[in-house]
Amino acid sequence: MQDILITSGLAQVTFAVLLGWPLTGLHAGMKRVGPLVNARRVLQAHLDNIFMGILQMIIATVFPELPVIAGWMLLAASWSNPQLFLYQATTKGQGQSLPGITVIAFVSFSIMTVAYLWLLTAWLQR
């Protein structure tokens, strides 16, 4: 699980770096870059992908014997949470009315909550 989380974290930070390109285009005055039209939401996705990728690497490094299912939950939610901002970046508004956004957010945040509670409990019991 340690190698998987470190690899996933590195991939997620790399994805965030690549998001810098459309973000730069939007800040330079482009009205859209592919489906992306909301620079603020792209920035949120960019930063959240960096944070979530780094957190995966840190957790895997300091807690290599972490519970495997909790690790997979961490990985899944670390990727799905930031992409909510990217989905919202496809509209000029806040993006709260996009199809499925509420359900996806609820599921993703629930998985993240369970994963972190499980990891904390496992850490304290080691």
Protein backbone atom coordinates (compact mmCIF):
# COMPACT_ATOMS: atom_id res chain seq x y z
CA MET A 1 0.00 0.00 0.00
CA GLN A 2 2.90 2.33 0.73
CA ASP A 3 4.21 2.24 -2.86
CA ILE A 4 0.69 2.64 -4.26
CA LEU A 5 -0.02 5.75 -2.17
CA ILE A 6 3.36 7.30 -2.93
CA THR A 7 2.91 6.66 -6.65
CA SER A 8 -0.64 8.00 -6.54
CA GLY A 9 0.51 11.08 -4.63
CA LEU A 10 3.27 11.79 -7.15
CA ALA A 11 0.82 11.32 -10.02
CA GLN A 12 -1.66 13.67 -8.38
CA VAL A 13 0.93 16.38 -7.82
CA THR A 14 2.01 15.96 -11.46
CA PHE A 15 -1.64 16.31 -12.52
CA ALA A 16 -1.84 19.51 -10.46
CA VAL A 17 1.27 20.87 -12.16
CA LEU A 18 -0.29 20.16 -15.56
CA LEU A 19 -3.45 22.01 -14.45
CA GLY A 20 -1.21 25.07 -14.21
CA TRP A 21 -1.30 25.32 -18.01
CA PRO A 22 -5.05 25.86 -18.43
CA LEU A 23 -4.98 28.03 -15.31
CA THR A 24 -2.34 30.24 -16.90
CA GLY A 25 -4.37 30.45 -20.10
CA LEU A 26 -7.51 31.50 -18.24
CA HIS A 27 -5.59 34.11 -16.26
CA ALA A 28 -4.01 35.39 -19.48
CA GLY A 29 -7.43 36.26 -20.83
CA MET A 30 -8.56 33.13 -22.65
CA LYS A 31 -12.31 32.71 -22.26
CA ARG A 32 -12.03 28.92 -22.14
CA VAL A 33 -9.42 26.18 -22.21
CA GLY A 34 -11.18 23.06 -23.41
CA PRO A 35 -14.24 22.72 -21.19
CA LEU A 36 -12.74 24.91 -18.44
CA VAL A 37 -14.12 28.45 -18.08
CA ASN A 38 -13.78 29.28 -14.37
CA ALA A 39 -10.21 30.18 -13.37
CA ARG A 40 -11.08 30.34 -9.66
CA ARG A 41 -12.33 26.74 -9.67
CA VAL A 42 -9.32 25.55 -11.70
CA LEU A 43 -7.06 27.16 -9.08
CA GLN A 44 -8.98 25.37 -6.33
CA ALA A 45 -8.57 22.05 -8.17
CA HIS A 46 -4.88 22.80 -8.76
CA LEU A 47 -4.19 23.50 -5.08
CA ASP A 48 -6.38 20.71 -3.72
CA ASN A 49 -4.70 18.15 -6.00
CA ILE A 50 -1.32 19.29 -4.67
CA PHE A 51 -2.48 19.04 -1.04
CA MET A 52 -4.15 15.66 -1.47
CA GLY A 53 -1.17 14.22 -3.35
CA ILE A 54 1.25 15.39 -0.68
CA LEU A 55 -0.99 14.02 2.09
CA GLN A 56 -1.01 10.58 0.44
CA MET A 57 2.78 10.57 0.29
CA ILE A 58 3.17 11.77 3.88
CA ILE A 59 0.73 9.23 5.29
CA ALA A 60 2.33 6.39 3.33
CA THR A 61 5.78 7.44 4.52
CA VAL A 62 5.05 7.84 8.23
CA PHE A 63 2.54 4.96 8.48
CA PRO A 64 3.71 2.25 6.04
CA GLU A 65 1.71 -0.48 7.83
CA LEU A 66 -1.60 1.38 7.47
CA PRO A 67 -4.78 -0.66 6.97
CA VAL A 68 -5.05 -1.52 3.28
CA ILE A 69 -8.76 -0.76 2.87
CA ALA A 70 -8.32 2.60 4.62
CA GLY A 71 -5.42 3.28 2.24
CA TRP A 72 -7.59 2.58 -0.80
CA MET A 73 -10.32 4.80 0.62
CA LEU A 74 -7.75 7.56 1.15
CA LEU A 75 -6.54 7.20 -2.42
CA ALA A 76 -10.06 7.24 -3.92
CA ALA A 77 -11.22 10.26 -1.95
CA SER A 78 -7.93 12.11 -2.47
CA TRP A 79 -8.57 11.94 -6.20
CA SER A 80 -12.33 12.50 -6.22
CA ASN A 81 -12.50 15.48 -3.84
CA PRO A 82 -10.34 17.88 -5.91
CA GLN A 83 -11.99 16.89 -9.17
CA LEU A 84 -15.25 18.34 -7.86
CA PHE A 85 -13.62 21.77 -8.32
CA LEU A 86 -12.55 20.80 -11.83
CA TYR A 87 -16.12 19.76 -12.62
CA GLN A 88 -17.32 23.11 -11.28
CA ALA A 89 -14.72 24.85 -13.47
CA THR A 90 -16.83 23.94 -16.49
CA THR A 91 -19.35 26.66 -15.59
CA LYS A 92 -18.97 30.36 -14.87
CA GLY A 93 -21.20 30.16 -11.78
CA GLN A 94 -20.54 28.41 -8.51
CA GLY A 95 -21.26 25.01 -10.04
CA GLN A 96 -23.56 23.90 -7.23
CA SER A 97 -26.35 23.01 -9.66
CA LEU A 98 -24.26 20.78 -11.93
CA PRO A 99 -25.76 17.29 -12.39
CA GLY A 100 -24.66 14.88 -9.67
CA ILE A 101 -22.39 17.31 -7.84
CA THR A 102 -24.17 16.98 -4.48
CA VAL A 103 -24.21 13.18 -4.54
CA ILE A 104 -20.59 12.92 -5.71
CA ALA A 105 -19.49 15.38 -3.02
CA PHE A 106 -21.39 13.53 -0.30
CA VAL A 107 -19.93 10.15 -1.27
CA SER A 108 -16.40 11.50 -1.67
CA PHE A 109 -16.42 13.42 1.62
CA SER A 110 -17.93 10.44 3.44
CA ILE A 111 -15.21 8.13 2.15
CA MET A 112 -12.53 10.67 3.15
CA THR A 113 -14.01 11.05 6.63
CA VAL A 114 -14.13 7.29 7.23
CA ALA A 115 -10.61 6.84 5.85
CA TYR A 116 -9.06 9.49 8.10
CA LEU A 117 -10.93 8.32 11.19
CA TRP A 118 -9.83 4.75 10.46
CA LEU A 119 -6.22 5.83 9.88
CA LEU A 120 -6.15 7.88 13.08
CA THR A 121 -7.59 5.00 15.10
CA ALA A 122 -5.11 2.54 13.57
CA TRP A 123 -2.23 4.93 14.22
CA LEU A 124 -3.18 5.37 17.86
CA GLN A 125 -3.54 1.60 18.37
CA ARG A 126 -0.18 0.62 16.94
